[in-house]
Every structure is written in C-alpha cells, then in structure tokens.
Amino acid sequence: MTKVVFFTHNGMITGFSVDGHTGYSNEGSDIVCASVSSAVYMTANTITDVLFLKAGVEVEDGHLYLTVDEKDVKEAQVILKGFKLHMDELAEQYGDYIKVIISEV
C-alpha cells in the first residue's frame, strides 16, 4: 500500500511524503503506482524547477518527502492542492492500495 501524508499548518499544505508501493499489479504494469509516481514527480518538479520555490526534497526507492520553505508556502498552494485532490480521487477509486492522511504540523 502507498501512504500519502500531507503536512498542513494554519490551513495550508506545507509539504507531503509518499511511501510504499501500491501492490495493485506486478512491477512494470501497476497503473496505480504509475499514476501516483507521475503525479508526485510532476508536483515536486513544478515546485522546484518551474516555480523555483525553495523546498527540501528527499528521494529514495518507494519514498519521496517534500516540504516547502515557509516563505514560499502560499505560492505553492495551487499545485499542492491539485496534487492532494488527485491523490484523494485515486484513494477513493483504489482504497485498498492508497491511503491519504492529513498531519497538522
């Protein structure tokens, strides 16, 4: 199962972590894992390489952690809220494979 945790503070998303493989299908044909991975990397790359916002990013196999610098959180909200909406929709469709959690920090 993939666990997606959104970090929030004062009603704003400040970052997220994504851990695990969905297990929906075999590696290379897991459409759920591919959907999550694609959205994660699009979000991280948009924040850091398109919007040029300062963010801490850690990447390992099956894990990505991103936190937006406090001064850039407001500017990152549109992309972070879009990513959360996408993860919520995937979790609704594939609840046995994705879990979305909100963590107030």
PDB file of N, CA and C in Angstrom:
ATOM      1  N   MET A   1       0.842  -1.180   0.000  1.00  0.00           N
ATOM      2  CA  MET A   1       0.000   0.000   0.000  1.00  0.00           C
ATOM      3  C   MET A   1       0.888   1.244   0.000  1.00  0.00           C
ATOM      4  N   THR A   2       0.420   2.281  -0.687  1.00  0.00           N
ATOM      5  CA  THR A   2       1.099   3.568  -0.692  1.00  0.00           C
ATOM      6  C   THR A   2       0.405   4.480   0.302  1.00  0.00           C
ATOM      7  N   LYS A   3       1.213   5.120   1.146  1.00  0.00           N
ATOM      8  CA  LYS A   3       0.690   6.061   2.125  1.00  0.00           C
ATOM      9  C   LYS A   3       1.145   7.461   1.725  1.00  0.00           C
ATOM     10  N   VAL A   4       0.172   8.360   1.551  1.00  0.00           N
ATOM     11  CA  VAL A   4       0.454   9.744   1.200  1.00  0.00           C
ATOM     12  C   VAL A   4       0.054  10.604   2.394  1.00  0.00           C
ATOM     13  N   VAL A   5       1.021  11.295   2.974  1.00  0.00           N
ATOM     14  CA  VAL A   5       0.760  12.151   4.123  1.00  0.00           C
ATOM     15  C   VAL A   5       0.964  13.598   3.696  1.00  0.00           C
ATOM     16  N   PHE A   6      -0.074  14.415   3.901  1.00  0.00           N
ATOM     17  CA  PHE A   6       0.016  15.845   3.629  1.00  0.00           C
ATOM     18  C   PHE A   6       0.238  16.564   4.949  1.00  0.00           C
ATOM     19  N   PHE A   7       1.245  17.419   4.975  1.00  0.00           N
ATOM     20  CA  PHE A   7       1.542  18.211   6.156  1.00  0.00           C
ATOM     21  C   PHE A   7       0.830  19.556   6.005  1.00  0.00           C
ATOM     22  N   THR A   8       0.079  19.946   7.028  1.00  0.00           N
ATOM     23  CA  THR A   8      -0.645  21.208   6.976  1.00  0.00           C
ATOM     24  C   THR A   8      -0.305  22.066   8.187  1.00  0.00           C
ATOM     25  N   HIS A   9      -0.433  23.371   7.982  1.00  0.00           N
ATOM     26  CA  HIS A   9      -0.225  24.328   9.075  1.00  0.00           C
ATOM     27  C   HIS A   9      -1.072  25.561   8.767  1.00  0.00           C
ATOM     28  N   ASN A  10      -1.913  25.930   9.718  1.00  0.00           N
ATOM     29  CA  ASN A  10      -2.804  27.087   9.547  1.00  0.00           C
ATOM     30  C   ASN A  10      -3.624  26.996   8.258  1.00  0.00           C
ATOM     31  N   GLY A  11      -4.104  25.803   7.949  1.00  0.00           N
ATOM     32  CA  GLY A  11      -4.964  25.608   6.788  1.00  0.00           C
ATOM     33  C   GLY A  11      -4.254  25.516   5.456  1.00  0.00           C
ATOM     34  N   MET A  12      -2.945  25.544   5.467  1.00  0.00           N
ATOM     35  CA  MET A  12      -2.188  25.460   4.218  1.00  0.00           C
ATOM     36  C   MET A  12      -1.373  24.176   4.184  1.00  0.00           C
ATOM     37  N   ILE A  13      -1.246  23.603   2.994  1.00  0.00           N
ATOM     38  CA  ILE A  13      -0.407  22.424   2.815  1.00  0.00           C
ATOM     39  C   ILE A  13       1.043  22.897   2.733  1.00  0.00           C
ATOM     40  N   THR A  14       1.879  22.352   3.598  1.00  0.00           N
ATOM     41  CA  THR A  14       3.283  22.760   3.647  1.00  0.00           C
ATOM     42  C   THR A  14       4.221  21.740   3.011  1.00  0.00           C
ATOM     43  N   GLY A  15       3.694  20.559   2.718  1.00  0.00           N
ATOM     44  CA  GLY A  15       4.508  19.519   2.111  1.00  0.00           C
ATOM     45  C   GLY A  15       3.796  18.191   2.151  1.00  0.00           C
ATOM     46  N   PHE A  16       4.527  17.148   1.781  1.00  0.00           N
ATOM     47  CA  PHE A  16       3.939  15.812   1.751  1.00  0.00           C
ATOM     48  C   PHE A  16       5.040  14.762   1.776  1.00  0.00           C
ATOM     49  N   SER A  17       4.638  13.544   2.136  1.00  0.00           N
ATOM     50  CA  SER A  17       5.522  12.394   1.977  1.00  0.00           C
ATOM     51  C   SER A  17       4.705  11.280   1.337  1.00  0.00           C
ATOM     52  N   VAL A  18       5.373  10.509   0.511  1.00  0.00           N
ATOM     53  CA  VAL A  18       4.747   9.370  -0.167  1.00  0.00           C
ATOM     54  C   VAL A  18       5.654   8.177   0.068  1.00  0.00           C
ATOM     55  N   ASP A  19       5.076   7.101   0.618  1.00  0.00           N
ATOM     56  CA  ASP A  19       5.859   5.919   0.953  1.00  0.00           C
ATOM     57  C   ASP A  19       5.169   4.647   0.478  1.00  0.00           C
ATOM     58  N   GLY A  20       5.968   3.739  -0.026  1.00  0.00           N
ATOM     59  CA  GLY A  20       5.490   2.403  -0.360  1.00  0.00           C
ATOM     60  C   GLY A  20       5.053   2.246  -1.792  1.00  0.00           C
ATOM     61  N   HIS A  21       4.893   1.001  -2.172  1.00  0.00           N
ATOM     62  CA  HIS A  21       4.399   0.638  -3.499  1.00  0.00           C
ATOM     63  C   HIS A  21       2.959   0.168  -3.345  1.00  0.00           C
ATOM     64  N   THR A  22       2.126   0.481  -4.314  1.00  0.00           N
ATOM     65  CA  THR A  22       0.696   0.198  -4.173  1.00  0.00           C
ATOM     66  C   THR A  22       0.398  -1.296  -4.104  1.00  0.00           C
ATOM     67  N   GLY A  23       1.096  -2.090  -4.897  1.00  0.00           N
ATOM     68  CA  GLY A  23       0.813  -3.518  -4.915  1.00  0.00           C
ATOM     69  C   GLY A  23      -0.411  -3.876  -5.733  1.00  0.00           C
ATOM     70  N   TYR A  24      -0.876  -2.956  -6.543  1.00  0.00           N
ATOM     71  CA  TYR A  24      -2.058  -3.193  -7.372  1.00  0.00           C
ATOM     72  C   TYR A  24      -1.786  -4.274  -8.421  1.00  0.00           C
ATOM     73  N   SER A  25      -0.580  -4.264  -8.974  1.00  0.00           N
ATOM     74  CA  SER A  25      -0.213  -5.220 -10.011  1.00  0.00           C
ATOM     75  C   SER A  25       1.297  -5.434  -9.957  1.00  0.00           C
ATOM     76  N   ASN A  26       1.808  -6.264 -10.845  1.00  0.00           N
ATOM     77  CA  ASN A  26       3.241  -6.529 -10.915  1.00  0.00           C
ATOM     78  C   ASN A  26       4.007  -5.282 -11.338  1.00  0.00           C
ATOM     79  N   GLU A  27       5.263  -5.190 -10.886  1.00  0.00           N
ATOM     80  CA  GLU A  27       6.117  -4.073 -11.264  1.00  0.00           C
ATOM     81  C   GLU A  27       6.169  -3.967 -12.785  1.00  0.00           C
ATOM     82  N   GLY A  28       6.026  -2.758 -13.277  1.00  0.00           N
ATOM     83  CA  GLY A  28       6.033  -2.526 -14.722  1.00  0.00           C
ATOM     84  C   GLY A  28       4.652  -2.482 -15.330  1.00  0.00           C
ATOM     85  N   SER A  29       3.654  -2.999 -14.631  1.00  0.00           N
ATOM     86  CA  SER A  29       2.282  -2.945 -15.148  1.00  0.00           C
ATOM     87  C   SER A  29       1.302  -2.430 -14.102  1.00  0.00           C
ATOM     88  N   ASP A  30       1.814  -1.840 -13.047  1.00  0.00           N
ATOM     89  CA  ASP A  30       0.979  -1.322 -11.966  1.00  0.00           C
ATOM     90  C   ASP A  30       0.546   0.102 -12.301  1.00  0.00           C
ATOM     91  N   ILE A  31      -0.658   0.235 -12.845  1.00  0.00           N
ATOM     92  CA  ILE A  31      -1.147   1.546 -13.275  1.00  0.00           C
ATOM     93  C   ILE A  31      -1.407   2.493 -12.102  1.00  0.00           C
ATOM     94  N   VAL A  32      -1.743   1.953 -10.954  1.00  0.00           N
ATOM     95  CA  VAL A  32      -1.993   2.791  -9.786  1.00  0.00           C
ATOM     96  C   VAL A  32      -0.670   3.382  -9.294  1.00  0.00           C
ATOM     97  N   CYS A  33       0.343   2.573  -9.186  1.00  0.00           N
ATOM     98  CA  CYS A  33       1.655   3.048  -8.760  1.00  0.00           C
ATOM     99  C   CYS A  33       2.192   4.071  -9.772  1.00  0.00           C
ATOM    100  N   ALA A  34       2.007   3.811 -11.039  1.00  0.00           N
ATOM    101  CA  ALA A  34       2.459   4.745 -12.076  1.00  0.00           C
ATOM    102  C   ALA A  34       1.721   6.076 -11.975  1.00  0.00           C
ATOM    103  N   SER A  35       0.444   6.036 -11.673  1.00  0.00           N
ATOM    104  CA  SER A  35      -0.334   7.275 -11.522  1.00  0.00           C
ATOM    105  C   SER A  35       0.167   8.089 -10.346  1.00  0.00           C
ATOM    106  N   VAL A  36       0.408   7.427  -9.238  1.00  0.00           N
ATOM    107  CA  VAL A  36       0.918   8.116  -8.049  1.00  0.00           C
ATOM    108  C   VAL A  36       2.302   8.688  -8.340  1.00  0.00           C
ATOM    109  N   SER A  37       3.189   7.871  -8.865  1.00  0.00           N
ATOM    110  CA  SER A  37       4.561   8.312  -9.128  1.00  0.00           C
ATOM    111  C   SER A  37       4.599   9.499 -10.079  1.00  0.00           C
ATOM    112  N   SER A  38       3.831   9.437 -11.131  1.00  0.00           N
ATOM    113  CA  SER A  38       3.806  10.526 -12.101  1.00  0.00           C
ATOM    114  C   SER A  38       3.338  11.830 -11.455  1.00  0.00           C
ATOM    115  N   ALA A  39       2.292  11.762 -10.667  1.00  0.00           N
ATOM    116  CA  ALA A  39       1.767  12.959 -10.004  1.00  0.00           C
ATOM    117  C   ALA A  39       2.750  13.507  -8.967  1.00  0.00           C
ATOM    118  N   VAL A  40       3.417  12.613  -8.245  1.00  0.00           N
ATOM    119  CA  VAL A  40       4.399  13.031  -7.239  1.00  0.00           C
ATOM    120  C   VAL A  40       5.534  13.796  -7.897  1.00  0.00           C
ATOM    121  N   TYR A  41       6.111  13.226  -8.946  1.00  0.00           N
ATOM    122  CA  TYR A  41       7.249  13.873  -9.596  1.00  0.00           C
ATOM    123  C   TYR A  41       6.843  15.147 -10.318  1.00  0.00           C
ATOM    124  N   MET A  42       5.654  15.184 -10.910  1.00  0.00           N
ATOM    125  CA  MET A  42       5.179  16.401 -11.548  1.00  0.00           C
ATOM    126  C   MET A  42       5.042  17.514 -10.515  1.00  0.00           C
ATOM    127  N   THR A  43       4.493  17.177  -9.354  1.00  0.00           N
ATOM    128  CA  THR A  43       4.311  18.166  -8.293  1.00  0.00           C
ATOM    129  C   THR A  43       5.656  18.675  -7.779  1.00  0.00           C
ATOM    130  N   ALA A  44       6.544  17.772  -7.453  1.00  0.00           N
ATOM    131  CA  ALA A  44       7.862  18.162  -6.935  1.00  0.00           C
ATOM    132  C   ALA A  44       8.636  18.986  -7.963  1.00  0.00           C
ATOM    133  N   ASN A  45       8.627  18.557  -9.224  1.00  0.00           N
ATOM    134  CA  ASN A  45       9.365  19.275 -10.260  1.00  0.00           C
ATOM    135  C   ASN A  45       8.756  20.641 -10.554  1.00  0.00           C
ATOM    136  N   THR A  46       7.437  20.754 -10.501  1.00  0.00           N
ATOM    137  CA  THR A  46       6.796  22.048 -10.720  1.00  0.00           C
ATOM    138  C   THR A  46       7.171  23.016  -9.607  1.00  0.00           C
ATOM    139  N   ILE A  47       7.159  22.540  -8.376  1.00  0.00           N
ATOM    140  CA  ILE A  47       7.509  23.409  -7.247  1.00  0.00           C
ATOM    141  C   ILE A  47       8.956  23.873  -7.337  1.00  0.00           C
ATOM    142  N   THR A  48       9.873  22.952  -7.617  1.00  0.00           N
ATOM    143  CA  THR A  48      11.294  23.296  -7.568  1.00  0.00           C
ATOM    144  C   THR A  48      11.861  23.837  -8.876  1.00  0.00           C
ATOM    145  N   ASP A  49      11.430  23.306 -10.017  1.00  0.00           N
ATOM    146  CA  ASP A  49      12.078  23.641 -11.292  1.00  0.00           C
ATOM    147  C   ASP A  49      11.253  24.530 -12.214  1.00  0.00           C
ATOM    148  N   VAL A  50       9.978  24.729 -11.910  1.00  0.00           N
ATOM    149  CA  VAL A  50       9.142  25.621 -12.720  1.00  0.00           C
ATOM    150  C   VAL A  50       8.845  26.899 -11.932  1.00  0.00           C
ATOM    151  N   LEU A  51       8.374  26.726 -10.695  1.00  0.00           N
ATOM    152  CA  LEU A  51       8.074  27.881  -9.847  1.00  0.00           C
ATOM    153  C   LEU A  51       9.319  28.399  -9.123  1.00  0.00           C
ATOM    154  N   PHE A  52      10.383  27.589  -9.101  1.00  0.00           N
ATOM    155  CA  PHE A  52      11.645  27.929  -8.442  1.00  0.00           C
ATOM    156  C   PHE A  52      11.449  28.290  -6.969  1.00  0.00           C
ATOM    157  N   LEU A  53      10.585  27.523  -6.301  1.00  0.00           N
ATOM    158  CA  LEU A  53      10.368  27.716  -4.877  1.00  0.00           C
ATOM    159  C   LEU A  53      11.380  26.877  -4.107  1.00  0.00           C
ATOM    160  N   LYS A  54      11.726  27.361  -2.939  1.00  0.00           N
ATOM    161  CA  LYS A  54      12.684  26.633  -2.120  1.00  0.00           C
ATOM    162  C   LYS A  54      11.946  25.520  -1.374  1.00  0.00           C
ATOM    163  N   ALA A  55      12.463  24.305  -1.499  1.00  0.00           N
ATOM    164  CA  ALA A  55      11.838  23.153  -0.852  1.00  0.00           C
ATOM    165  C   ALA A  55      12.901  22.127  -0.501  1.00  0.00           C
ATOM    166  N   GLY A  56      12.666  21.432   0.611  1.00  0.00           N
ATOM    167  CA  GLY A  56      13.503  20.305   0.968  1.00  0.00           C
ATOM    168  C   GLY A  56      12.922  19.057   0.340  1.00  0.00           C
ATOM    169  N   VAL A  57      13.739  18.304  -0.345  1.00  0.00           N
ATOM    170  CA  VAL A  57      13.265  17.100  -1.040  1.00  0.00           C
ATOM    171  C   VAL A  57      14.194  15.939  -0.720  1.00  0.00           C
ATOM    172  N   GLU A  58      13.592  14.798  -0.360  1.00  0.00           N
ATOM    173  CA  GLU A  58      14.332  13.547  -0.164  1.00  0.00           C
ATOM    174  C   GLU A  58      13.685  12.493  -1.057  1.00  0.00           C
ATOM    175  N   VAL A  59      14.511  11.774  -1.805  1.00  0.00           N
ATOM    176  CA  VAL A  59      14.004  10.740  -2.703  1.00  0.00           C
ATOM    177  C   VAL A  59      14.786   9.453  -2.500  1.00  0.00           C
ATOM    178  N   GLU A  60      14.071   8.370  -2.306  1.00  0.00           N
ATOM    179  CA  GLU A  60      14.635   7.018  -2.259  1.00  0.00           C
ATOM    180  C   GLU A  60      13.646   6.113  -2.967  1.00  0.00           C
ATOM    181  N   ASP A  61      14.006   4.873  -3.191  1.00  0.00           N
ATOM    182  CA  ASP A  61      13.081   3.940  -3.820  1.00  0.00           C
ATOM    183  C   ASP A  61      11.826   3.805  -2.967  1.00  0.00           C
ATOM    184  N   GLY A  62      10.690   4.115  -3.537  1.00  0.00           N
ATOM    185  CA  GLY A  62       9.420   3.979  -2.828  1.00  0.00           C
ATOM    186  C   GLY A  62       9.157   5.071  -1.810  1.00  0.00           C
ATOM    187  N   HIS A  63       9.928   6.167  -1.865  1.00  0.00           N
ATOM    188  CA  HIS A  63       9.757   7.242  -0.877  1.00  0.00           C
ATOM    189  C   HIS A  63      10.112   8.587  -1.494  1.00  0.00           C
ATOM    190  N   LEU A  64       9.238   9.575  -1.277  1.00  0.00           N
ATOM    191  CA  LEU A  64       9.567  10.957  -1.603  1.00  0.00           C
ATOM    192  C   LEU A  64       8.989  11.834  -0.508  1.00  0.00           C
ATOM    193  N   TYR A  65       9.809  12.766  -0.028  1.00  0.00           N
ATOM    194  CA  TYR A  65       9.421  13.693   1.037  1.00  0.00           C
ATOM    195  C   TYR A  65       9.723  15.091   0.539  1.00  0.00           C
ATOM    196  N   LEU A  66       8.735  15.983   0.634  1.00  0.00           N
ATOM    197  CA  LEU A  66       8.929  17.353   0.196  1.00  0.00           C
ATOM    198  C   LEU A  66       8.304  18.305   1.199  1.00  0.00           C
ATOM    199  N   THR A  67       9.049  19.314   1.607  1.00  0.00           N
ATOM    200  CA  THR A  67       8.499  20.388   2.428  1.00  0.00           C
ATOM    201  C   THR A  67       8.894  21.709   1.787  1.00  0.00           C
ATOM    202  N   VAL A  68       7.927  22.585   1.659  1.00  0.00           N
ATOM    203  CA  VAL A  68       8.155  23.883   1.052  1.00  0.00           C
ATOM    204  C   VAL A  68       8.644  24.847   2.130  1.00  0.00           C
ATOM    205  N   ASP A  69       9.638  25.649   1.774  1.00  0.00           N
ATOM    206  CA  ASP A  69      10.151  26.661   2.689  1.00  0.00           C
ATOM    207  C   ASP A  69       9.007  27.575   3.125  1.00  0.00           C
ATOM    208  N   GLU A  70       9.020  27.961   4.386  1.00  0.00           N
ATOM    209  CA  GLU A  70       7.926  28.734   4.983  1.00  0.00           C
ATOM    210  C   GLU A  70       7.555  29.972   4.165  1.00  0.00           C
ATOM    211  N   LYS A  71       8.525  30.660   3.602  1.00  0.00           N
ATOM    212  CA  LYS A  71       8.243  31.883   2.848  1.00  0.00           C
ATOM    213  C   LYS A  71       7.579  31.605   1.500  1.00  0.00           C
ATOM    214  N   ASP A  72       7.636  30.367   1.016  1.00  0.00           N
ATOM    215  CA  ASP A  72       7.078  30.019  -0.293  1.00  0.00           C
ATOM    216  C   ASP A  72       5.794  29.193  -0.219  1.00  0.00           C
ATOM    217  N   VAL A  73       5.313  28.898   0.989  1.00  0.00           N
ATOM    218  CA  VAL A  73       4.152  28.011   1.149  1.00  0.00           C
ATOM    219  C   VAL A  73       2.920  28.562   0.430  1.00  0.00           C
ATOM    220  N   LYS A  74       2.659  29.837   0.576  1.00  0.00           N
ATOM    221  CA  LYS A  74       1.460  30.427  -0.051  1.00  0.00           C
ATOM    222  C   LYS A  74       1.502  30.265  -1.568  1.00  0.00           C
ATOM    223  N   GLU A  75       2.650  30.510  -2.157  1.00  0.00           N
ATOM    224  CA  GLU A  75       2.781  30.418  -3.606  1.00  0.00           C
ATOM    225  C   GLU A  75       2.646  28.979  -4.123  1.00  0.00           C
ATOM    226  N   ALA A  76       2.923  28.009  -3.276  1.00  0.00           N
ATOM    227  CA  ALA A  76       2.867  26.594  -3.673  1.00  0.00           C
ATOM    228  C   ALA A  76       1.473  25.982  -3.528  1.00  0.00           C
ATOM    229  N   GLN A  77       0.517  26.700  -2.962  1.00  0.00           N
ATOM    230  CA  GLN A  77      -0.777  26.113  -2.632  1.00  0.00           C
ATOM    231  C   GLN A  77      -1.528  25.544  -3.821  1.00  0.00           C
ATOM    232  N   VAL A  78      -1.529  26.207  -4.954  1.00  0.00           N
ATOM    233  CA  VAL A  78      -2.299  25.721  -6.101  1.00  0.00           C
ATOM    234  C   VAL A  78      -1.823  24.339  -6.526  1.00  0.00           C
ATOM    235  N   ILE A  79      -0.517  24.167  -6.670  1.00  0.00           N
ATOM    236  CA  ILE A  79      -0.007  22.863  -7.101  1.00  0.00           C
ATOM    237  C   ILE A  79      -0.190  21.815  -6.013  1.00  0.00           C
ATOM    238  N   LEU A  80       0.017  22.187  -4.741  1.00  0.00           N
ATOM    239  CA  LEU A  80      -0.148  21.218  -3.659  1.00  0.00           C
ATOM    240  C   LEU A  80      -1.607  20.802  -3.492  1.00  0.00           C
ATOM    241  N   LYS A  81      -2.538  21.733  -3.623  1.00  0.00           N
ATOM    242  CA  LYS A  81      -3.960  21.393  -3.522  1.00  0.00           C
ATOM    243  C   LYS A  81      -4.392  20.530  -4.703  1.00  0.00           C
ATOM    244  N   GLY A  82      -3.852  20.812  -5.880  1.00  0.00           N
ATOM    245  CA  GLY A  82      -4.150  19.971  -7.043  1.00  0.00           C
ATOM    246  C   GLY A  82      -3.641  18.554  -6.857  1.00  0.00           C
ATOM    247  N   PHE A  83      -2.433  18.434  -6.304  1.00  0.00           N
ATOM    248  CA  PHE A  83      -1.867  17.113  -6.031  1.00  0.00           C
ATOM    249  C   PHE A  83      -2.702  16.363  -4.995  1.00  0.00           C
ATOM    250  N   LYS A  84      -3.134  17.070  -3.949  1.00  0.00           N
ATOM    251  CA  LYS A  84      -3.968  16.438  -2.930  1.00  0.00           C
ATOM    252  C   LYS A  84      -5.289  15.964  -3.521  1.00  0.00           C
ATOM    253  N   LEU A  85      -5.913  16.779  -4.342  1.00  0.00           N
ATOM    254  CA  LEU A  85      -7.163  16.382  -4.994  1.00  0.00           C
ATOM    255  C   LEU A  85      -6.956  15.117  -5.824  1.00  0.00           C
ATOM    256  N   HIS A  86      -5.858  15.069  -6.552  1.00  0.00           N
ATOM    257  CA  HIS A  86      -5.554  13.889  -7.373  1.00  0.00           C
ATOM    258  C   HIS A  86      -5.365  12.644  -6.507  1.00  0.00           C
ATOM    259  N   MET A  87      -4.624  12.780  -5.408  1.00  0.00           N
ATOM    260  CA  MET A  87      -4.412  11.643  -4.514  1.00  0.00           C
ATOM    261  C   MET A  87      -5.729  11.220  -3.838  1.00  0.00           C
ATOM    262  N   ASP A  88      -6.563  12.182  -3.453  1.00  0.00           N
ATOM    263  CA  ASP A  88      -7.864  11.852  -2.864  1.00  0.00           C
ATOM    264  C   ASP A  88      -8.725  11.060  -3.843  1.00  0.00           C
ATOM    265  N   GLU A  89      -8.723  11.453  -5.101  1.00  0.00           N
ATOM    266  CA  GLU A  89      -9.512  10.750  -6.121  1.00  0.00           C
ATOM    267  C   GLU A  89      -8.977   9.335  -6.345  1.00  0.00           C
ATOM    268  N   LEU A  90      -7.661   9.191  -6.407  1.00  0.00           N
ATOM    269  CA  LEU A  90      -7.082   7.849  -6.560  1.00  0.00           C
ATOM    270  C   LEU A  90      -7.401   6.981  -5.347  1.00  0.00           C
ATOM    271  N   ALA A  91      -7.322   7.557  -4.152  1.00  0.00           N
ATOM    272  CA  ALA A  91      -7.631   6.801  -2.931  1.00  0.00           C
ATOM    273  C   ALA A  91      -9.098   6.393  -2.901  1.00  0.00           C
ATOM    274  N   GLU A  92      -9.962   7.222  -3.440  1.00  0.00           N
ATOM    275  CA  GLU A  92     -11.383   6.868  -3.494  1.00  0.00           C
ATOM    276  C   GLU A  92     -11.609   5.682  -4.433  1.00  0.00           C
ATOM    277  N   GLN A  93     -10.906   5.668  -5.550  1.00  0.00           N
ATOM    278  CA  GLN A  93     -11.052   4.585  -6.529  1.00  0.00           C
ATOM    279  C   GLN A  93     -10.295   3.321  -6.127  1.00  0.00           C
ATOM    280  N   TYR A  94      -9.153   3.487  -5.489  1.00  0.00           N
ATOM    281  CA  TYR A  94      -8.264   2.368  -5.191  1.00  0.00           C
ATOM    282  C   TYR A  94      -7.904   2.358  -3.702  1.00  0.00           C
ATOM    283  N   GLY A  95      -8.905   2.386  -2.866  1.00  0.00           N
ATOM    284  CA  GLY A  95      -8.728   2.487  -1.423  1.00  0.00           C
ATOM    285  C   GLY A  95      -7.934   1.368  -0.781  1.00  0.00           C
ATOM    286  N   ASP A  96      -7.888   0.223  -1.420  1.00  0.00           N
ATOM    287  CA  ASP A  96      -7.093  -0.881  -0.881  1.00  0.00           C
ATOM    288  C   ASP A  96      -5.600  -0.711  -1.157  1.00  0.00           C
ATOM    289  N   TYR A  97      -5.253   0.280  -1.985  1.00  0.00           N
ATOM    290  CA  TYR A  97      -3.874   0.438  -2.423  1.00  0.00           C
ATOM    291  C   TYR A  97      -3.253   1.790  -2.082  1.00  0.00           C
ATOM    292  N   ILE A  98      -4.099   2.787  -1.765  1.00  0.00           N
ATOM    293  CA  ILE A  98      -3.612   4.140  -1.441  1.00  0.00           C
ATOM    294  C   ILE A  98      -4.364   4.650  -0.210  1.00  0.00           C
ATOM    295  N   LYS A  99      -3.607   5.242   0.701  1.00  0.00           N
ATOM    296  CA  LYS A  99      -4.211   5.860   1.875  1.00  0.00           C
ATOM    297  C   LYS A  99      -3.689   7.292   1.970  1.00  0.00           C
ATOM    298  N   VAL A 100      -4.611   8.263   2.110  1.00  0.00           N
ATOM    299  CA  VAL A 100      -4.238   9.664   2.245  1.00  0.00           C
ATOM    300  C   VAL A 100      -4.480  10.081   3.696  1.00  0.00           C
ATOM    301  N   ILE A 101      -3.479  10.729   4.270  1.00  0.00           N
ATOM    302  CA  ILE A 101      -3.522  11.150   5.670  1.00  0.00           C
ATOM    303  C   ILE A 101      -3.173  12.633   5.740  1.00  0.00           C
ATOM    304  N   ILE A 102      -3.874  13.367   6.606  1.00  0.00           N
ATOM    305  CA  ILE A 102      -3.557  14.768   6.850  1.00  0.00           C
ATOM    306  C   ILE A 102      -2.880  14.850   8.217  1.00  0.00           C
ATOM    307  N   SER A 103      -1.738  15.537   8.269  1.00  0.00           N
ATOM    308  CA  SER A 103      -0.993  15.676   9.516  1.00  0.00           C
ATOM    309  C   SER A 103      -0.757  17.165   9.786  1.00  0.00           C
ATOM    310  N   GLU A 104      -1.363  17.681  10.842  1.00  0.00           N
ATOM    311  CA  GLU A 104      -1.145  19.067  11.225  1.00  0.00           C
ATOM    312  C   GLU A 104       0.222  19.174  11.899  1.00  0.00           C
ATOM    313  N   VAL A 105       1.037  20.096  11.392  1.00  0.00           N
ATOM    314  CA  VAL A 105       2.378  20.287  11.967  1.00  0.00           C
ATOM    315  C   VAL A 105       2.522  21.664  12.592  1.00  0.00           C
TER     316      VAL A 105
END
